[in-house]
C-alpha atoms as a PDB file:
ATOM      1  CA  UNK A   1       0.000   0.000   0.000  1.00  0.00           C
ATOM      2  CA  UNK A   2       1.361   3.393  -0.979  1.00  0.00           C
ATOM      3  CA  UNK A   3       2.120   6.091   1.595  1.00  0.00           C
ATOM      4  CA  UNK A   4       4.121   9.305   1.666  1.00  0.00           C
ATOM      5  CA  UNK A   5       7.807   8.583   1.839  1.00  0.00           C
ATOM      6  CA  UNK A   6       8.453  10.565   5.031  1.00  0.00           C
ATOM      7  CA  UNK A   7       5.671   8.605   6.752  1.00  0.00           C
ATOM      8  CA  UNK A   8       7.211   5.300   5.689  1.00  0.00           C
ATOM      9  CA  UNK A   9      10.641   6.333   6.980  1.00  0.00           C
ATOM     10  CA  UNK A  10       9.161   7.406  10.308  1.00  0.00           C
ATOM     11  CA  UNK A  11       7.092   4.223  10.679  1.00  0.00           C
ATOM     12  CA  UNK A  12      10.182   2.136   9.997  1.00  0.00           C
ATOM     13  CA  UNK A  13      12.127   3.941  12.709  1.00  0.00           C
ATOM     14  CA  UNK A  14      14.557   5.579  10.301  1.00  0.00           C
ATOM     15  CA  UNK A  15      13.786   9.119  11.486  1.00  0.00           C
ATOM     16  CA  UNK A  16      10.995  11.385  12.618  1.00  0.00           C
ATOM     17  CA  UNK A  17       8.843  12.804   9.818  1.00  0.00           C
ATOM     18  CA  UNK A  18      10.609  16.161   9.958  1.00  0.00           C
ATOM     19  CA  UNK A  19      14.027  14.491   9.902  1.00  0.00           C
ATOM     20  CA  UNK A  20      12.874  12.311   6.994  1.00  0.00           C
ATOM     21  CA  UNK A  21      11.836  15.427   5.082  1.00  0.00           C
ATOM     22  CA  UNK A  22      15.319  16.869   5.622  1.00  0.00           C
ATOM     23  CA  UNK A  23      16.888  13.625   4.397  1.00  0.00           C
ATOM     24  CA  UNK A  24      14.801  13.828   1.225  1.00  0.00           C
ATOM     25  CA  UNK A  25      15.747  17.491   0.699  1.00  0.00           C
ATOM     26  CA  UNK A  26      19.416  16.562   1.122  1.00  0.00           C
ATOM     27  CA  UNK A  27      19.129  13.934  -1.675  1.00  0.00           C
ATOM     28  CA  UNK A  28      19.885  11.083   0.719  1.00  0.00           C
ATOM     29  CA  UNK A  29      16.805   9.030  -0.217  1.00  0.00           C
ATOM     30  CA  UNK A  30      16.126   7.089  -3.417  1.00  0.00           C
ATOM     31  CA  UNK A  31      13.155   5.089  -4.675  1.00  0.00           C
ATOM     32  CA  UNK A  32      13.985   2.371  -7.193  1.00  0.00           C
ATOM     33  CA  UNK A  33      17.326   4.049  -7.804  1.00  0.00           C
ATOM     34  CA  UNK A  34      15.874   7.510  -8.489  1.00  0.00           C
ATOM     35  CA  UNK A  35      16.263  10.506  -6.180  1.00  0.00           C
ATOM     36  CA  UNK A  36      13.135  10.970  -4.088  1.00  0.00           C
ATOM     37  CA  UNK A  37      11.303  14.260  -3.703  1.00  0.00           C
ATOM     38  CA  UNK A  38       9.029  15.685  -1.014  1.00  0.00           C
ATOM     39  CA  UNK A  39       5.441  14.501  -1.261  1.00  0.00           C
ATOM     40  CA  UNK A  40       6.385  11.388  -3.224  1.00  0.00           C
ATOM     41  CA  UNK A  41       4.598   8.151  -2.377  1.00  0.00           C
ATOM     42  CA  UNK A  42       5.946   4.610  -2.342  1.00  0.00           C
ATOM     43  CA  UNK A  43       4.932   1.078  -1.457  1.00  0.00           C
ATOM     44  CA  UNK A  44       7.537  -0.469   0.876  1.00  0.00           C
ATOM     45  CA  UNK A  45       6.310  -3.937  -0.108  1.00  0.00           C
ATOM     46  CA  UNK A  46       7.076  -3.327  -3.793  1.00  0.00           C
ATOM     47  CA  UNK A  47       9.484  -0.399  -4.113  1.00  0.00           C
ATOM     48  CA  UNK A  48      13.191  -0.358  -3.321  1.00  0.00           C
ATOM     49  CA  UNK A  49      13.827   2.476  -0.838  1.00  0.00           C
ATOM     50  CA  UNK A  50      17.371   3.404   0.162  1.00  0.00           C
ATOM     51  CA  UNK A  51      18.742   5.935   2.636  1.00  0.00           C
ATOM     52  CA  UNK A  52      22.412   6.867   2.189  1.00  0.00           C
ATOM     53  CA  UNK A  53      22.697   3.866  -0.111  1.00  0.00           C
ATOM     54  CA  UNK A  54      21.360   1.399   2.470  1.00  0.00           C
ATOM     55  CA  UNK A  55      18.208  -0.562   1.641  1.00  0.00           C
ATOM     56  CA  UNK A  56      15.203  -0.067   3.911  1.00  0.00           C
ATOM     57  CA  UNK A  57      13.737  -3.520   4.418  1.00  0.00           C
ATOM     58  CA  UNK A  58      10.169  -4.076   5.590  1.00  0.00           C
ATOM     59  CA  UNK A  59      11.320  -7.067   7.634  1.00  0.00           C
ATOM     60  CA  UNK A  60      13.742  -4.872   9.563  1.00  0.00           C
ATOM     61  CA  UNK A  61      11.066  -2.628  11.043  1.00  0.00           C
ATOM     62  CA  UNK A  62      12.072  -2.234  14.718  1.00  0.00           C
ATOM     63  CA  UNK A  63       9.715  -2.772  17.615  1.00  0.00           C
ATOM     64  CA  UNK A  64       8.192   0.449  18.905  1.00  0.00           C
ATOM     65  CA  UNK A  65      10.034   1.987  21.865  1.00  0.00           C
ATOM     66  CA  UNK A  66       8.649   4.637  24.210  1.00  0.00           C
ATOM     67  CA  UNK A  67      10.901   6.221  26.837  1.00  0.00           C
ATOM     68  CA  UNK A  68      10.756   9.004  29.414  1.00  0.00           C
ATOM     69  CA  UNK A  69      14.082  10.753  30.011  1.00  0.00           C
ATOM     70  CA  UNK A  70      15.052  13.269  32.686  1.00  0.00           C
ATOM     71  CA  UNK A  71      17.140  15.678  30.613  1.00  0.00           C
ATOM     72  CA  UNK A  72      19.986  17.435  32.453  1.00  0.00           C
ATOM     73  CA  UNK A  73      21.367  20.922  31.778  1.00  0.00           C
ATOM     74  CA  UNK A  74      23.923  21.085  28.968  1.00  0.00           C
ATOM     75  CA  UNK A  75      22.490  18.203  26.912  1.00  0.00           C
ATOM     76  CA  UNK A  76      21.039  18.937  23.472  1.00  0.00           C
ATOM     77  CA  UNK A  77      17.572  17.711  22.517  1.00  0.00           C
ATOM     78  CA  UNK A  78      18.680  16.296  19.194  1.00  0.00           C
ATOM     79  CA  UNK A  79      19.997  13.036  17.751  1.00  0.00           C
ATOM     80  CA  UNK A  80      23.432  14.318  16.776  1.00  0.00           C
ATOM     81  CA  UNK A  81      25.483  17.495  16.962  1.00  0.00           C
ATOM     82  CA  UNK A  82      28.139  18.556  14.399  1.00  0.00           C
ATOM     83  CA  UNK A  83      30.139  20.190  17.198  1.00  0.00           C
ATOM     84  CA  UNK A  84      30.277  16.979  19.203  1.00  0.00           C
ATOM     85  CA  UNK A  85      28.276  18.276  22.155  1.00  0.00           C
ATOM     86  CA  UNK A  86      26.341  15.701  24.255  1.00  0.00           C
ATOM     87  CA  UNK A  87      22.842  14.836  23.057  1.00  0.00           C
ATOM     88  CA  UNK A  88      19.930  13.038  24.683  1.00  0.00           C
ATOM     89  CA  UNK A  89      20.790   9.872  22.740  1.00  0.00           C
ATOM     90  CA  UNK A  90      24.171   9.804  24.485  1.00  0.00           C
ATOM     91  CA  UNK A  91      22.307   9.163  27.739  1.00  0.00           C
ATOM     92  CA  UNK A  92      20.840   5.894  26.414  1.00  0.00           C
ATOM     93  CA  UNK A  93      22.541   2.486  26.126  1.00  0.00           C
ATOM     94  CA  UNK A  94      23.842   1.755  22.621  1.00  0.00           C
ATOM     95  CA  UNK A  95      21.508  -1.217  22.251  1.00  0.00           C
ATOM     96  CA  UNK A  96      18.568   1.198  22.491  1.00  0.00           C
ATOM     97  CA  UNK A  97      19.898   4.333  20.779  1.00  0.00           C
ATOM     98  CA  UNK A  98      21.660   2.708  17.827  1.00  0.00           C
ATOM     99  CA  UNK A  99      19.834   1.642  14.669  1.00  0.00           C
ATOM    100  CA  UNK A 100      16.301   1.805  16.028  1.00  0.00           C
ATOM    101  CA  UNK A 101      15.311   5.317  14.963  1.00  0.00           C
ATOM    102  CA  UNK A 102      14.936   6.692  18.492  1.00  0.00           C
ATOM    103  CA  UNK A 103      14.416  10.475  18.521  1.00  0.00           C
ATOM    104  CA  UNK A 104      13.143  13.116  20.962  1.00  0.00           C
ATOM    105  CA  UNK A 105       9.531  14.259  20.819  1.00  0.00           C
ATOM    106  CA  UNK A 106       9.565  18.039  20.897  1.00  0.00           C
ATOM    107  CA  UNK A 107      12.342  20.038  22.521  1.00  0.00           C
ATOM    108  CA  UNK A 108      13.826  21.264  25.762  1.00  0.00           C
ATOM    109  CA  UNK A 109      16.511  23.883  25.272  1.00  0.00           C
ATOM    110  CA  UNK A 110      20.059  23.166  26.394  1.00  0.00           C
ATOM    111  CA  UNK A 111      19.693  25.163  29.631  1.00  0.00           C
ATOM    112  CA  UNK A 112      16.432  23.480  30.670  1.00  0.00           C
ATOM    113  CA  UNK A 113      15.847  20.201  32.487  1.00  0.00           C
ATOM    114  CA  UNK A 114      13.097  17.680  32.967  1.00  0.00           C
ATOM    115  CA  UNK A 115      10.683  15.330  31.270  1.00  0.00           C
ATOM    116  CA  UNK A 116      11.327  14.430  27.643  1.00  0.00           C
ATOM    117  CA  UNK A 117       9.758  11.611  25.632  1.00  0.00           C
ATOM    118  CA  UNK A 118      11.858   9.647  23.159  1.00  0.00           C
ATOM    119  CA  UNK A 119      10.447   7.124  20.694  1.00  0.00           C
ATOM    120  CA  UNK A 120      10.846   5.579  17.256  1.00  0.00           C
ATOM    121  CA  UNK A 121       7.100   5.861  16.619  1.00  0.00           C
ATOM    122  CA  UNK A 122       7.102   8.518  13.915  1.00  0.00           C
ATOM    123  CA  UNK A 123       3.325   8.804  13.738  1.00  0.00           C
ATOM    124  CA  UNK A 124       3.114   9.519  17.462  1.00  0.00           C
ATOM    125  CA  UNK A 125       5.911  12.086  17.197  1.00  0.00           C
ATOM    126  CA  UNK A 126       4.139  13.834  14.339  1.00  0.00           C
ATOM    127  CA  UNK A 127       0.860  13.862  16.241  1.00  0.00           C
ATOM    128  CA  UNK A 128       2.335  15.206  19.475  1.00  0.00           C
ATOM    129  CA  UNK A 129       4.451  17.923  17.860  1.00  0.00           C
ATOM    130  CA  UNK A 130       1.927  19.187  15.311  1.00  0.00           C
ATOM    131  CA  UNK A 131       0.883  22.801  16.102  1.00  0.00           C
ATOM    132  CA  UNK A 132      -2.786  21.792  16.335  1.00  0.00           C
ATOM    133  CA  UNK A 133      -2.144  19.299  19.147  1.00  0.00           C
ATOM    134  CA  UNK A 134      -2.664  20.318  22.753  1.00  0.00           C
ATOM    135  CA  UNK A 135      -1.165  17.820  25.216  1.00  0.00           C
ATOM    136  CA  UNK A 136      -0.507  19.946  28.325  1.00  0.00           C
ATOM    137  CA  UNK A 137       3.045  20.241  29.644  1.00  0.00           C
ATOM    138  CA  UNK A 138       3.800  21.299  33.213  1.00  0.00           C
ATOM    139  CA  UNK A 139       6.845  23.372  34.194  1.00  0.00           C
ATOM    140  CA  UNK A 140       8.395  24.718  37.373  1.00  0.00           C
ATOM    141  CA  UNK A 141      10.085  27.993  36.563  1.00  0.00           C
ATOM    142  CA  UNK A 142      12.270  30.139  38.801  1.00  0.00           C
ATOM    143  CA  UNK A 143      12.202  33.791  37.702  1.00  0.00           C
ATOM    144  CA  UNK A 144      13.784  36.990  38.981  1.00  0.00           C
ATOM    145  CA  UNK A 145      11.404  39.266  40.852  1.00  0.00           C
ATOM    146  CA  UNK A 146       7.826  38.905  42.075  1.00  0.00           C
ATOM    147  CA  UNK A 147       4.989  38.938  39.535  1.00  0.00           C
ATOM    148  CA  UNK A 148       1.962  41.078  40.270  1.00  0.00           C
ATOM    149  CA  UNK A 149      -1.560  39.716  39.806  1.00  0.00           C
ATOM    150  CA  UNK A 150      -1.911  41.934  36.727  1.00  0.00           C
ATOM    151  CA  UNK A 151       1.183  40.408  35.105  1.00  0.00           C
ATOM    152  CA  UNK A 152       0.086  36.890  36.016  1.00  0.00           C
ATOM    153  CA  UNK A 153      -3.309  37.486  34.422  1.00  0.00           C
ATOM    154  CA  UNK A 154      -1.671  38.911  31.305  1.00  0.00           C
ATOM    155  CA  UNK A 155       0.449  35.755  30.968  1.00  0.00           C
ATOM    156  CA  UNK A 156      -2.586  33.533  31.536  1.00  0.00           C
ATOM    157  CA  UNK A 157      -4.618  35.239  28.830  1.00  0.00           C
ATOM    158  CA  UNK A 158      -1.848  35.154  26.229  1.00  0.00           C
ATOM    159  CA  UNK A 159       1.060  37.360  25.207  1.00  0.00           C
ATOM    160  CA  UNK A 160       1.980  38.617  21.741  1.00  0.00           C
ATOM    161  CA  UNK A 161       5.164  36.943  20.500  1.00  0.00           C
ATOM    162  CA  UNK A 162       6.411  37.853  17.030  1.00  0.00           C
ATOM    163  CA  UNK A 163       3.013  39.243  16.074  1.00  0.00           C
ATOM    164  CA  UNK A 164       1.004  36.221  17.227  1.00  0.00           C
ATOM    165  CA  UNK A 165      -0.754  35.720  20.540  1.00  0.00           C
ATOM    166  CA  UNK A 166       0.120  32.687  22.633  1.00  0.00           C
ATOM    167  CA  UNK A 167      -2.615  30.322  23.788  1.00  0.00           C
ATOM    168  CA  UNK A 168      -4.049  30.789  27.262  1.00  0.00           C
ATOM    169  CA  UNK A 169      -1.950  29.163  29.981  1.00  0.00           C
ATOM    170  CA  UNK A 170      -2.204  28.231  33.641  1.00  0.00           C
ATOM    171  CA  UNK A 171       0.295  30.287  35.648  1.00  0.00           C
ATOM    172  CA  UNK A 172       0.506  30.442  39.440  1.00  0.00           C
ATOM    173  CA  UNK A 173       3.072  31.364  42.065  1.00  0.00           C
ATOM    174  CA  UNK A 174       3.993  28.376  44.233  1.00  0.00           C
ATOM    175  CA  UNK A 175       6.843  29.858  46.297  1.00  0.00           C
ATOM    176  CA  UNK A 176       8.422  33.260  46.913  1.00  0.00           C
ATOM    177  CA  UNK A 177      12.011  34.078  47.808  1.00  0.00           C
ATOM    178  CA  UNK A 178      13.787  37.361  48.601  1.00  0.00           C
ATOM    179  CA  UNK A 179      14.479  38.365  45.000  1.00  0.00           C
ATOM    180  CA  UNK A 180      12.772  35.640  42.963  1.00  0.00           C
ATOM    181  CA  UNK A 181       9.761  33.357  42.845  1.00  0.00           C
ATOM    182  CA  UNK A 182       8.879  29.895  41.585  1.00  0.00           C
ATOM    183  CA  UNK A 183       5.984  29.492  39.147  1.00  0.00           C
ATOM    184  CA  UNK A 184       4.003  26.492  37.985  1.00  0.00           C
ATOM    185  CA  UNK A 185       3.141  26.935  34.310  1.00  0.00           C
ATOM    186  CA  UNK A 186       0.969  24.601  32.231  1.00  0.00           C
ATOM    187  CA  UNK A 187       1.083  25.120  28.470  1.00  0.00           C
ATOM    188  CA  UNK A 188      -0.804  23.554  25.580  1.00  0.00           C
ATOM    189  CA  UNK A 189       1.596  24.800  22.920  1.00  0.00           C
ATOM    190  CA  UNK A 190       5.345  24.760  22.514  1.00  0.00           C
ATOM    191  CA  UNK A 191       6.853  27.622  20.576  1.00  0.00           C
ATOM    192  CA  UNK A 192      10.632  27.903  20.599  1.00  0.00           C
ATOM    193  CA  UNK A 193      11.825  28.994  24.088  1.00  0.00           C
ATOM    194  CA  UNK A 194       8.299  30.266  24.734  1.00  0.00           C
ATOM    195  CA  UNK A 195       8.418  30.527  28.524  1.00  0.00           C
ATOM    196  CA  UNK A 196      11.831  32.179  28.552  1.00  0.00           C
ATOM    197  CA  UNK A 197      10.816  34.705  25.901  1.00  0.00           C
ATOM    198  CA  UNK A 198       7.545  35.627  27.635  1.00  0.00           C
ATOM    199  CA  UNK A 199       9.230  35.974  31.024  1.00  0.00           C
ATOM    200  CA  UNK A 200      11.928  38.188  29.527  1.00  0.00           C
ATOM    201  CA  UNK A 201       9.347  40.278  27.689  1.00  0.00           C
ATOM    202  CA  UNK A 202       7.350  40.803  30.899  1.00  0.00           C
ATOM    203  CA  UNK A 203      10.490  41.781  32.812  1.00  0.00           C
ATOM    204  CA  UNK A 204      11.004  38.632  34.908  1.00  0.00           C
ATOM    205  CA  UNK A 205      13.880  36.672  33.296  1.00  0.00           C
ATOM    206  CA  UNK A 206      14.089  32.927  33.855  1.00  0.00           C
ATOM    207  CA  UNK A 207      16.752  31.612  36.215  1.00  0.00           C
ATOM    208  CA  UNK A 208      15.845  27.911  35.995  1.00  0.00           C
ATOM    209  CA  UNK A 209      13.284  26.004  33.902  1.00  0.00           C
ATOM    210  CA  UNK A 210      12.244  22.435  34.646  1.00  0.00           C
ATOM    211  CA  UNK A 211       9.516  20.352  32.963  1.00  0.00           C
ATOM    212  CA  UNK A 212       7.826  18.092  35.510  1.00  0.00           C
ATOM    213  CA  UNK A 213       5.166  16.395  33.383  1.00  0.00           C
ATOM    214  CA  UNK A 214       3.834  15.778  29.897  1.00  0.00           C
ATOM    215  CA  UNK A 215       0.113  15.283  30.301  1.00  0.00           C
ATOM    216  CA  UNK A 216      -0.228  12.649  33.024  1.00  0.00           C
ATOM    217  CA  UNK A 217       3.309  11.335  32.458  1.00  0.00           C
ATOM    218  CA  UNK A 218       5.504  12.506  35.331  1.00  0.00           C
ATOM    219  CA  UNK A 219       9.107  12.192  36.414  1.00  0.00           C
ATOM    220  CA  UNK A 220       7.834  10.920  39.750  1.00  0.00           C
ATOM    221  CA  UNK A 221       5.930   7.652  39.432  1.00  0.00           C
ATOM    222  CA  UNK A 222       3.915   6.121  42.309  1.00  0.00           C
ATOM    223  CA  UNK A 223       5.699   3.029  43.563  1.00  0.00           C
ATOM    224  CA  UNK A 224       8.838   3.709  41.493  1.00  0.00           C
ATOM    225  CA  UNK A 225      10.085   6.983  42.923  1.00  0.00           C
ATOM    226  CA  UNK A 226      11.646   9.930  41.170  1.00  0.00           C
ATOM    227  CA  UNK A 227      13.549   9.626  37.896  1.00  0.00           C
ATOM    228  CA  UNK A 228      16.986  11.165  38.508  1.00  0.00           C
ATOM    229  CA  UNK A 229      18.713  13.536  36.078  1.00  0.00           C
ATOM    230  CA  UNK A 230      20.200  11.676  33.134  1.00  0.00           C
ATOM    231  CA  UNK A 231      18.137   8.546  33.794  1.00  0.00           C
ATOM    232  CA  UNK A 232      15.349   7.077  31.666  1.00  0.00           C
ATOM    233  CA  UNK A 233      12.571   4.533  31.939  1.00  0.00           C
ATOM    234  CA  UNK A 234      10.236   2.758  29.547  1.00  0.00           C
ATOM    235  CA  UNK A 235       6.734   4.193  29.496  1.00  0.00           C
ATOM    236  CA  UNK A 236       3.999   2.098  31.059  1.00  0.00           C
ATOM    237  CA  UNK A 237       1.257   0.779  28.796  1.00  0.00           C
ATOM    238  CA  UNK A 238      -1.308   3.179  30.272  1.00  0.00           C
ATOM    239  CA  UNK A 239       1.044   6.099  29.541  1.00  0.00           C
ATOM    240  CA  UNK A 240       1.446   5.043  25.905  1.00  0.00           C
ATOM    241  CA  UNK A 241      -2.335   4.720  25.625  1.00  0.00           C
ATOM    242  CA  UNK A 242      -2.717   8.229  27.078  1.00  0.00           C
ATOM    243  CA  UNK A 243      -0.427   9.728  24.424  1.00  0.00           C
ATOM    244  CA  UNK A 244      -2.127   7.911  21.565  1.00  0.00           C
ATOM    245  CA  UNK A 245      -5.592   8.851  22.828  1.00  0.00           C
ATOM    246  CA  UNK A 246      -4.522  12.485  23.189  1.00  0.00           C
ATOM    247  CA  UNK A 247      -3.347  12.552  19.570  1.00  0.00           C
ATOM    248  CA  UNK A 248      -6.485  10.789  18.337  1.00  0.00           C
ATOM    249  CA  UNK A 249      -8.750  13.158  20.289  1.00  0.00           C
ATOM    250  CA  UNK A 250      -7.165  16.296  18.864  1.00  0.00           C
ATOM    251  CA  UNK A 251      -7.197  14.808  15.351  1.00  0.00           C
ATOM    252  CA  UNK A 252     -10.941  14.161  15.725  1.00  0.00           C
ATOM    253  CA  UNK A 253     -11.499  17.714  16.977  1.00  0.00           C
ATOM    254  CA  UNK A 254      -9.594  19.156  14.022  1.00  0.00           C
ATOM    255  CA  UNK A 255     -11.678  17.070  11.614  1.00  0.00           C
ATOM    256  CA  UNK A 256     -14.908  18.302  13.240  1.00  0.00           C
ATOM    257  CA  UNK A 257     -13.765  21.914  12.999  1.00  0.00           C
ATOM    258  CA  UNK A 258     -12.839  21.446   9.344  1.00  0.00           C
ATOM    259  CA  UNK A 259     -16.245  19.909   8.631  1.00  0.00           C
ATOM    260  CA  UNK A 260     -18.072  22.710  10.438  1.00  0.00           C
ATOM    261  CA  UNK A 261     -16.051  25.275   8.507  1.00  0.00           C
END
């Protein structure tokens, strides 16, 4: 059965859909000996697909892997870095990170810590990172200064970033210190360095940023304790079901909105 090439590569654990698109743009992918192009379809049962000259075999499709990692400061949320800096894949054993298409879902910037999902399920990655999706993510953020109720309400209602208003967010103060305070922030979108940029724009720069949860998936698991920095665990079946249901629910909502429109 034919499918878009980037979807095939993601389903087979070669790369995420976005990474597969980059591979195609870089002329690294061929179908039946011919250079592939974006939007092209193929049938993995009938067509010969190669990446960097290596044949993608349907019998080599890896088992799906779903991990939760506690990302430390100084580690890049990427699969590789030209400058040789440590990446999240360096924190995994070679038998997991090598040859199975594992990649991070979304991003945490190099100075941030906390919960990060890694998988080789390209469809799930696409669903969770698509702008229309809205799986909530919870952060604990230490900022300089004390936010007034007016500023908190402004953040909750949405702030203009690069000409576009952010979605509404849950923002509350959970602890105050002499010259700083700790906030709990729950977002349903993930623009690049969004929290840091909003805090800076409002006049309360971020000192530390830590993601504690992705939906109901938390670094602290009942009966298993807290996942330490740099450590990972396999997601439980109920956690995988939660992610897939969240993607399916938002896809259904988008379809309903399109139909109503």
